[in-house]
Amino acid sequence: MSYLIKAFLRNAQQPEKGSAEIMFPLSRQQYDIAVGLLKDLNAGDAIAQDCMVEDIDSDYNILGCLKGQRVNLDELDYLAKRLDSFDVYEAQQFQAACHAFGCEDIRSLINMTFCSQNVTVISDFSKLEEAGKQHYLTIHGGSAPVDEINAQNGRTLSERLLQSGEGKLTPYGVLFRNGMRMEEPYNGHAFPGFLWDRPVAEVELTQREGESVTVFLPTTRLAFSRFCERSGISLEGLEPDSLSWGLRKGDELDLIGSLADLWDWNEICERLDDLSDAERQRCFAAFEVMAPDSPEQAELLINNIHDFTLCPGVKDAEGLGRYMIQKSGRYEYDPALELYYNYEALGEFLMLHQIGQITRLGYLQCAEESGFAEFFTLNTPEQGQAQEQLNPCLGLGYRPAPMSQDMKIGGMTL
């Protein structure tokens, strides 16, 4: 099944306009299309629950309670994305908890996704050992050392639970609350922060009043606009304090730009998102060395990414020599000769005769004929030096346009 939830939605006030079949969760590309389908029905508001569920199909049987109810497109999408992150046992916990706590509307279902991992569900009495150890994990916050878990008598733990008289029978198994309380992180407007798809960048937007929200890039203008509306942010009064570019963990690079630059960076994120994993890692390593402080400079690197070769995980000369002999494919590695390989000597020779630098992602080599080659000979330039040296080395005659002080784009994590 290519969807988690398939819903047939109608205009709650004008059902005669027909219905739209929408499959959730929605990808970035599918989001605008879904909004357009509902717009044709005069429905699909960013906040109002103006859609009525005519029918619903999902492996989560508990969601059948939504049939005939009013919902909001983004609520259904958020719920589907939350459920899509669950494993088999978490799905069981969710459905059993929804039944036990009487969750029968979209808001309570969303909130239960944040609470249900605290309950224990025993559904297969032939696997009490496994169920008991799962219970031990649950009451210890979902994690414990392997040796500690293996030392538990799971069957005994399960039998104690079943004999406690605290279990509640549900269609999904016997549920034990473990003191769980129903909380409401979702208030009907702004959604709690949650990563579903792998984002390229994480952006924090701050208003004058000091309130901030996080949006993930790449996104679409429509999705961003509706996100701001749900979060109570006025785009006209938006003065972002920082944009934290979560390309990967590491040091931060402060950037300055205007709100319009957000969309230039969004295009860069789309470019990065379309790359293969290997190409993306090369880009991130090149970003670390070149320190681009504008979308235009980042685009130059992406367009010329084939000028670079990355030896992932290499942290020193010995690691480079080991990678070249064992993994590069340029040499025929023989494990029987392991004691005779001088990895460090080979790595030092290569680093002396190649154009490259060690980065947090590994050893990045630059082709000698590349316009970036001269930059690699600089001794780890400061950010200001990098900005001055980048364009002369490229020989492209590019000069960054003056940047506005309206917004600080802080922390490009490379």
Protein backbone atom coordinates (compact mmCIF):
# COMPACT_ATOMS: atom_id res chain seq x y z
CA MET A 1 0.00 0.00 0.00
CA SER A 2 1.52 3.32 -1.10
CA TYR A 3 -0.45 5.34 1.44
CA LEU A 4 -1.12 5.26 5.16
CA ILE A 5 -4.51 6.97 5.01
CA LYS A 6 -6.77 7.27 1.97
CA ALA A 7 -9.57 9.69 2.65
CA PHE A 8 -12.52 10.85 0.56
CA LEU A 9 -13.16 14.43 1.63
CA ARG A 10 -16.16 16.67 0.93
CA ASN A 11 -16.99 20.29 1.63
CA ALA A 12 -18.65 20.04 5.04
CA GLN A 13 -21.13 22.83 4.14
CA GLN A 14 -21.63 21.96 0.47
CA PRO A 15 -21.43 18.16 0.13
CA GLU A 16 -23.16 18.34 -3.25
CA LYS A 17 -19.91 19.64 -4.80
CA GLY A 18 -18.51 16.12 -4.74
CA SER A 19 -15.51 14.60 -3.04
CA ALA A 20 -11.74 14.50 -3.45
CA GLU A 21 -9.70 11.34 -2.94
CA ILE A 22 -6.45 12.20 -1.16
CA MET A 23 -3.75 9.84 0.02
CA PHE A 24 -1.71 10.71 3.10
CA PRO A 25 0.99 11.46 4.09
CA LEU A 26 1.59 14.14 1.49
CA SER A 27 5.02 14.71 0.00
CA ARG A 28 6.20 18.24 -0.78
CA GLN A 29 5.18 17.76 -4.40
CA GLN A 30 1.76 16.33 -3.52
CA TYR A 31 0.83 18.99 -0.95
CA ASP A 32 -0.02 21.80 -3.38
CA ILE A 33 -2.00 19.37 -5.54
CA ALA A 34 -4.12 18.25 -2.57
CA VAL A 35 -4.85 21.84 -1.58
CA GLY A 36 -5.90 22.52 -5.16
CA LEU A 37 -8.29 19.55 -5.20
CA LEU A 38 -10.04 20.83 -2.11
CA LYS A 39 -10.06 24.39 -3.40
CA ASP A 40 -12.15 23.14 -6.32
CA LEU A 41 -14.69 22.08 -3.68
CA ASN A 42 -14.47 25.46 -1.88
CA ALA A 43 -12.79 23.68 1.02
CA GLY A 44 -9.29 23.09 2.35
CA ASP A 45 -8.82 26.08 4.66
CA ALA A 46 -5.44 26.30 6.40
CA ILE A 47 -7.03 26.15 9.88
CA ALA A 48 -10.79 25.54 9.76
CA GLN A 49 -12.13 22.00 9.82
CA ASP A 50 -14.12 22.53 6.64
CA CYS A 51 -13.77 19.01 5.22
CA MET A 52 -16.07 16.10 6.02
CA VAL A 53 -14.69 12.56 5.85
CA GLU A 54 -16.98 10.68 3.49
CA ASP A 55 -14.90 7.50 3.74
CA ILE A 56 -11.49 6.49 5.05
CA ASP A 57 -9.18 3.56 4.36
CA SER A 58 -6.17 2.70 6.53
CA ASP A 59 -4.39 -0.21 8.16
CA TYR A 60 -5.03 1.74 11.37
CA ASN A 61 -8.58 0.48 11.93
CA ILE A 62 -9.07 2.88 14.82
CA LEU A 63 -9.19 5.75 12.30
CA GLY A 64 -12.57 4.54 11.13
CA CYS A 65 -14.01 6.76 13.87
CA LEU A 66 -13.27 9.77 11.64
CA LYS A 67 -15.87 8.77 9.05
CA GLY A 68 -18.58 11.41 8.99
CA GLN A 69 -16.49 13.86 11.03
CA ARG A 70 -15.15 17.30 10.14
CA VAL A 71 -11.40 17.51 9.72
CA ASN A 72 -8.71 19.78 8.34
CA LEU A 73 -6.38 18.75 5.51
CA ASP A 74 -3.21 19.61 7.43
CA GLU A 75 -4.45 17.78 10.52
CA LEU A 76 -4.97 14.58 8.53
CA ASP A 77 -1.56 14.98 6.91
CA TYR A 78 0.16 15.59 10.26
CA LEU A 79 -1.58 12.57 11.81
CA ALA A 80 -0.53 10.36 8.88
CA LYS A 81 3.08 11.51 9.16
CA ARG A 82 3.11 10.84 12.90
CA LEU A 83 1.71 7.34 12.36
CA ASP A 84 4.10 6.69 9.49
CA SER A 85 7.00 6.97 11.94
CA PHE A 86 5.65 4.17 14.17
CA ASP A 87 6.95 0.62 14.17
CA VAL A 88 4.61 -2.39 14.54
CA TYR A 89 4.52 -2.30 18.34
CA GLU A 90 4.07 1.49 18.49
CA ALA A 91 1.12 1.14 16.10
CA GLN A 92 -0.35 -1.45 18.46
CA GLN A 93 0.18 0.83 21.44
CA PHE A 94 -1.49 3.73 19.62
CA GLN A 95 -4.61 1.83 18.60
CA ALA A 96 -5.05 0.17 21.98
CA ALA A 97 -4.58 3.48 23.81
CA CYS A 98 -7.04 5.29 21.50
CA HIS A 99 -9.65 2.60 22.25
CA ALA A 100 -9.01 2.67 25.99
CA PHE A 101 -9.08 6.47 26.26
CA GLY A 102 -11.97 6.99 23.86
CA CYS A 103 -10.13 9.04 21.24
CA GLU A 104 -12.70 9.67 18.51
CA ASP A 105 -11.75 12.97 16.86
CA ILE A 106 -8.76 14.19 14.88
CA ARG A 107 -7.35 16.37 17.67
CA SER A 108 -7.36 13.62 20.30
CA LEU A 109 -5.89 11.17 17.79
CA ILE A 110 -3.00 13.53 17.09
CA ASN A 111 -2.37 14.08 20.78
CA MET A 112 -2.43 10.35 21.46
CA THR A 113 0.50 9.88 19.06
CA PHE A 114 2.59 11.75 21.65
CA CYS A 115 1.35 9.70 24.62
CA SER A 116 0.74 6.12 23.55
CA GLN A 117 4.39 5.02 23.74
CA ASN A 118 4.02 5.04 27.53
CA VAL A 119 1.53 2.16 27.67
CA THR A 120 2.18 -1.58 27.55
CA VAL A 121 0.15 -3.86 25.31
CA ILE A 122 0.19 -7.66 25.51
CA SER A 123 -1.50 -9.22 22.51
CA ASP A 124 0.25 -12.57 22.00
CA PHE A 125 0.19 -14.78 25.08
CA SER A 126 2.59 -17.21 23.44
CA LYS A 127 5.30 -14.52 23.56
CA LEU A 128 5.22 -13.44 27.21
CA GLU A 129 9.03 -13.34 27.46
CA GLU A 130 9.19 -10.82 24.64
CA ALA A 131 6.24 -8.84 25.99
CA GLY A 132 7.79 -8.59 29.44
CA LYS A 133 11.06 -7.21 28.12
CA GLN A 134 9.15 -4.76 25.94
CA HIS A 135 7.30 -3.62 29.07
CA TYR A 136 10.64 -3.14 30.85
CA LEU A 137 11.81 -0.94 27.98
CA THR A 138 8.57 1.03 28.02
CA ILE A 139 8.70 1.91 31.72
CA HIS A 140 12.36 2.92 31.34
CA GLY A 141 11.67 5.51 28.68
CA GLY A 142 12.10 3.26 25.66
CA SER A 143 15.80 2.50 26.10
CA ALA A 144 18.04 0.44 28.34
CA PRO A 145 21.43 -1.30 28.00
CA VAL A 146 21.23 -4.63 26.15
CA ASP A 147 22.80 -6.53 29.04
CA GLU A 148 20.24 -5.04 31.41
CA ILE A 149 17.34 -6.08 29.17
CA ASN A 150 18.72 -9.59 28.69
CA ALA A 151 19.00 -9.98 32.45
CA GLN A 152 15.24 -9.51 32.87
CA ASN A 153 12.85 -12.44 33.19
CA GLY A 154 10.33 -11.24 30.66
CA ARG A 155 7.81 -13.99 31.27
CA THR A 156 7.72 -13.21 35.00
CA LEU A 157 7.21 -9.50 34.28
CA SER A 158 4.33 -10.30 31.91
CA GLU A 159 2.68 -12.65 34.39
CA ARG A 160 2.86 -10.03 37.13
CA LEU A 161 1.21 -7.52 34.84
CA LEU A 162 -1.59 -9.89 33.87
CA GLN A 163 -2.19 -10.81 37.51
CA SER A 164 -2.22 -7.17 38.68
CA GLY A 165 -5.82 -6.64 37.61
CA GLU A 166 -4.86 -3.29 36.04
CA GLY A 167 -5.15 -4.44 32.45
CA LYS A 168 -7.86 -3.17 30.13
CA LEU A 169 -9.03 -5.43 27.33
CA THR A 170 -9.04 -3.81 23.89
CA PRO A 171 -9.39 -5.22 20.36
CA TYR A 172 -5.62 -4.75 20.05
CA GLY A 173 -4.56 -6.55 23.24
CA VAL A 174 -4.54 -6.07 27.00
CA LEU A 175 -3.45 -2.52 27.78
CA PHE A 176 -1.66 -1.37 30.93
CA ARG A 177 -1.52 2.39 31.45
CA ASN A 178 1.72 2.51 33.47
CA GLY A 179 0.48 5.80 34.87
CA MET A 180 0.10 7.39 31.44
CA ARG A 181 -1.80 10.67 31.34
CA MET A 182 -3.49 12.09 28.28
CA GLU A 183 -1.68 15.30 27.33
CA GLU A 184 -2.50 17.84 24.61
CA PRO A 185 0.63 19.11 22.87
CA TYR A 186 -1.54 19.96 19.84
CA ASN A 187 -3.85 22.88 20.62
CA GLY A 188 -5.79 22.97 17.36
CA HIS A 189 -3.54 25.51 15.68
CA ALA A 190 0.26 25.16 15.57
CA PHE A 191 1.54 21.61 15.24
CA PRO A 192 4.28 20.45 17.62
CA GLY A 193 7.63 20.23 15.85
CA PHE A 194 8.09 16.89 14.14
CA LEU A 195 10.49 15.57 11.49
CA TRP A 196 8.89 13.22 8.98
CA ASP A 197 10.82 13.51 5.72
CA ARG A 198 14.56 14.19 5.83
CA PRO A 199 14.91 17.98 5.63
CA VAL A 200 17.94 19.72 4.21
CA ALA A 201 17.60 22.77 6.45
CA GLU A 202 15.89 23.66 9.69
CA VAL A 203 14.81 27.29 9.87
CA GLU A 204 13.83 29.19 13.00
CA LEU A 205 11.64 32.23 12.37
CA THR A 206 11.28 34.78 15.14
CA GLN A 207 8.74 37.63 15.37
CA ARG A 208 9.16 40.99 17.06
CA GLU A 209 7.33 39.64 20.11
CA GLY A 210 10.02 37.02 20.51
CA GLU A 211 7.87 34.04 19.54
CA SER A 212 9.57 31.61 17.19
CA VAL A 213 8.58 28.65 15.05
CA THR A 214 10.58 26.14 13.06
CA VAL A 215 10.03 25.36 9.39
CA PHE A 216 11.89 22.75 7.39
CA LEU A 217 13.32 23.25 3.91
CA PRO A 218 12.80 22.57 1.10
CA THR A 219 9.14 23.54 1.13
CA THR A 220 6.68 25.27 -1.20
CA ARG A 221 5.45 28.84 -0.92
CA LEU A 222 1.89 27.58 -0.39
CA ALA A 223 2.92 25.16 2.35
CA PHE A 224 5.03 27.88 4.01
CA SER A 225 2.19 30.40 3.87
CA ARG A 226 -0.29 27.94 5.41
CA PHE A 227 2.27 26.93 8.02
CA CYS A 228 2.68 30.57 9.08
CA GLU A 229 -1.09 31.03 9.17
CA ARG A 230 -1.54 28.01 11.46
CA SER A 231 1.32 29.23 13.65
CA GLY A 232 -0.19 32.70 13.99
CA ILE A 233 2.68 34.40 12.17
CA SER A 234 2.05 37.44 10.00
CA LEU A 235 4.39 37.41 7.02
CA GLU A 236 4.18 41.20 6.81
CA GLY A 237 5.45 41.63 10.35
CA LEU A 238 7.97 38.83 10.20
CA GLU A 239 11.45 39.80 11.28
CA PRO A 240 13.32 36.50 11.58
CA ASP A 241 16.10 36.52 14.11
CA SER A 242 17.87 33.56 12.63
CA LEU A 243 17.72 30.79 10.10
CA SER A 244 19.58 27.72 11.36
CA TRP A 245 20.65 25.74 8.33
CA GLY A 246 20.68 22.15 9.49
CA LEU A 247 22.66 20.67 6.61
CA ARG A 248 24.46 18.51 9.14
CA LYS A 249 25.88 18.78 12.64
CA GLY A 250 29.03 20.82 13.04
CA ASP A 251 30.28 24.36 13.40
CA GLU A 252 28.07 27.28 12.49
CA LEU A 253 28.50 29.97 9.88
CA ASP A 254 26.63 33.24 10.40
CA LEU A 255 24.95 34.70 7.34
CA ILE A 256 23.05 37.89 6.67
CA GLY A 257 20.13 38.23 4.27
CA SER A 258 16.56 39.36 3.76
CA LEU A 259 13.32 37.41 3.91
CA ALA A 260 13.47 37.08 0.14
CA ASP A 261 16.73 35.13 0.54
CA LEU A 262 14.72 32.40 2.22
CA TRP A 263 13.41 31.33 -1.19
CA ASP A 264 16.84 31.51 -2.77
CA TRP A 265 18.10 29.18 -0.05
CA ASN A 266 15.00 27.04 -0.49
CA GLU A 267 16.01 26.51 -4.12
CA ILE A 268 19.48 25.48 -2.94
CA CYS A 269 17.87 23.00 -0.56
CA GLU A 270 15.79 21.61 -3.43
CA ARG A 271 18.96 21.18 -5.47
CA LEU A 272 20.64 19.37 -2.58
CA ASP A 273 17.57 17.22 -2.01
CA ASP A 274 17.69 16.04 -5.63
CA LEU A 275 21.32 14.91 -5.41
CA SER A 276 22.40 11.36 -4.69
CA ASP A 277 23.62 10.65 -1.16
CA ALA A 278 27.24 10.58 -2.35
CA GLU A 279 26.90 13.89 -4.21
CA ARG A 280 25.19 15.50 -1.24
CA GLN A 281 28.01 14.46 1.10
CA ARG A 282 30.55 15.92 -1.32
CA CYS A 283 28.58 19.17 -1.33
CA PHE A 284 28.52 19.36 2.45
CA ALA A 285 32.27 18.72 2.63
CA ALA A 286 32.87 21.40 -0.02
CA PHE A 287 30.61 23.81 1.87
CA GLU A 288 32.76 23.26 4.96
CA VAL A 289 35.94 24.15 3.09
CA MET A 290 34.59 26.96 0.91
CA ALA A 291 32.19 28.48 3.45
CA PRO A 292 29.62 29.92 0.98
CA ASP A 293 27.71 32.82 2.52
CA SER A 294 25.15 33.37 -0.22
CA PRO A 295 22.83 31.17 -2.30
CA GLU A 296 24.78 32.17 -5.42
CA GLN A 297 28.05 30.88 -3.99
CA ALA A 298 26.37 27.68 -2.82
CA GLU A 299 24.95 27.18 -6.31
CA LEU A 300 28.42 27.55 -7.83
CA LEU A 301 29.65 24.70 -5.66
CA ILE A 302 26.68 22.48 -6.51
CA ASN A 303 27.11 23.14 -10.24
CA ASN A 304 30.78 22.13 -10.00
CA ILE A 305 30.48 19.30 -7.48
CA HIS A 306 32.08 16.86 -9.93
CA ASP A 307 35.35 18.75 -9.40
CA PHE A 308 35.54 17.07 -5.99
CA THR A 309 36.16 13.56 -4.72
CA LEU A 310 35.30 12.59 -1.14
CA CYS A 311 36.92 9.77 0.82
CA PRO A 312 34.24 9.43 3.52
CA GLY A 313 35.20 8.94 7.15
CA VAL A 314 38.89 9.77 6.62
CA LYS A 315 40.26 11.81 9.52
CA ASP A 316 44.05 11.62 9.06
CA ALA A 317 46.83 10.45 6.76
CA GLU A 318 46.64 6.84 7.94
CA GLY A 319 42.90 6.80 7.32
CA LEU A 320 43.44 8.17 3.81
CA GLY A 321 46.00 5.51 3.00
CA ARG A 322 43.76 2.78 4.38
CA TYR A 323 40.78 4.05 2.39
CA MET A 324 42.75 4.22 -0.86
CA ILE A 325 44.12 0.69 -0.56
CA GLN A 326 41.04 -1.03 0.83
CA LYS A 327 38.04 0.87 -0.54
CA SER A 328 38.94 3.13 -3.46
CA GLY A 329 39.12 0.32 -5.99
CA ARG A 330 42.42 1.65 -7.35
CA TYR A 331 44.45 -1.09 -5.66
CA GLU A 332 44.07 -4.83 -5.26
CA TYR A 333 43.90 -5.24 -1.50
CA ASP A 334 45.14 -8.55 -0.05
CA PRO A 335 44.25 -9.10 3.65
CA ALA A 336 47.13 -11.58 3.89
CA LEU A 337 49.53 -8.66 3.38
CA GLU A 338 47.93 -6.43 6.00
CA LEU A 339 51.07 -6.25 8.16
CA TYR A 340 53.09 -4.94 5.23
CA TYR A 341 50.92 -2.00 4.22
CA ASN A 342 52.19 1.39 5.39
CA TYR A 343 48.89 3.27 5.29
CA GLU A 344 50.23 6.39 6.96
CA ALA A 345 53.12 6.79 4.51
CA LEU A 346 50.80 6.46 1.52
CA GLY A 347 48.32 8.92 3.04
CA GLU A 348 51.03 11.49 3.74
CA PHE A 349 52.34 11.14 0.17
CA LEU A 350 48.88 11.64 -1.32
CA MET A 351 48.09 14.64 0.90
CA LEU A 352 51.42 16.20 -0.10
CA HIS A 353 50.90 15.75 -3.84
CA GLN A 354 47.14 16.25 -4.13
CA ILE A 355 44.92 19.27 -3.66
CA GLY A 356 42.66 18.43 -0.74
CA GLN A 357 41.65 18.98 2.86
CA ILE A 358 40.38 16.91 5.77
CA THR A 359 36.75 17.80 6.60
CA ARG A 360 34.31 16.50 9.17
CA LEU A 361 32.92 14.17 6.50
CA GLY A 362 36.29 12.89 5.31
CA TYR A 363 39.10 13.80 2.96
CA LEU A 364 37.93 16.10 0.16
CA GLN A 365 40.13 16.17 -2.95
CA CYS A 366 39.79 18.90 -5.56
CA ALA A 367 40.70 18.37 -9.21
CA GLU A 368 43.84 20.27 -10.22
CA GLU A 369 42.10 21.87 -13.21
CA SER A 370 39.18 23.11 -11.08
CA GLY A 371 38.59 26.81 -10.52
CA PHE A 372 38.40 26.00 -6.80
CA ALA A 373 41.87 24.41 -6.66
CA GLU A 374 43.75 27.56 -5.60
CA PHE A 375 41.36 28.08 -2.70
CA PHE A 376 42.46 24.74 -1.21
CA THR A 377 46.04 26.02 -0.87
CA LEU A 378 44.92 28.64 1.66
CA ASN A 379 45.53 27.79 5.28
CA THR A 380 42.00 27.42 6.64
CA PRO A 381 40.89 31.02 5.94
CA GLU A 382 38.60 32.88 8.26
CA GLN A 383 35.07 33.50 7.03
CA GLY A 384 35.90 37.03 5.90
CA GLN A 385 38.95 35.84 3.99
CA ALA A 386 36.91 33.08 2.38
CA GLN A 387 34.41 35.63 1.11
CA GLU A 388 37.21 37.72 -0.41
CA GLN A 389 39.12 34.80 -1.93
CA LEU A 390 36.29 32.72 -3.36
CA ASN A 391 35.55 34.79 -6.45
CA PRO A 392 39.13 35.62 -7.53
CA CYS A 393 39.95 31.90 -7.35
CA LEU A 394 36.94 31.05 -9.46
CA GLY A 395 37.78 33.71 -11.98
CA LEU A 396 34.09 34.29 -12.64
CA GLY A 397 34.00 37.98 -11.77
CA TYR A 398 31.09 37.46 -9.35
CA ARG A 399 30.56 39.85 -6.47
CA PRO A 400 27.81 39.23 -3.89
CA ALA A 401 25.09 41.88 -3.90
CA PRO A 402 24.79 44.03 -0.77
CA MET A 403 22.75 42.14 1.80
CA SER A 404 19.93 43.53 3.91
CA GLN A 405 20.05 43.68 7.69
CA ASP A 406 16.39 42.68 7.96
CA MET A 407 17.20 39.12 8.79
CA LYS A 408 20.11 37.22 10.17
CA ILE A 409 20.57 33.79 8.67
CA GLY A 410 22.40 32.21 11.54
CA GLY A 411 24.09 28.88 11.90
CA MET A 412 24.49 27.16 8.57
CA THR A 413 25.37 23.80 10.06
CA LEU A 414 27.69 22.11 7.60
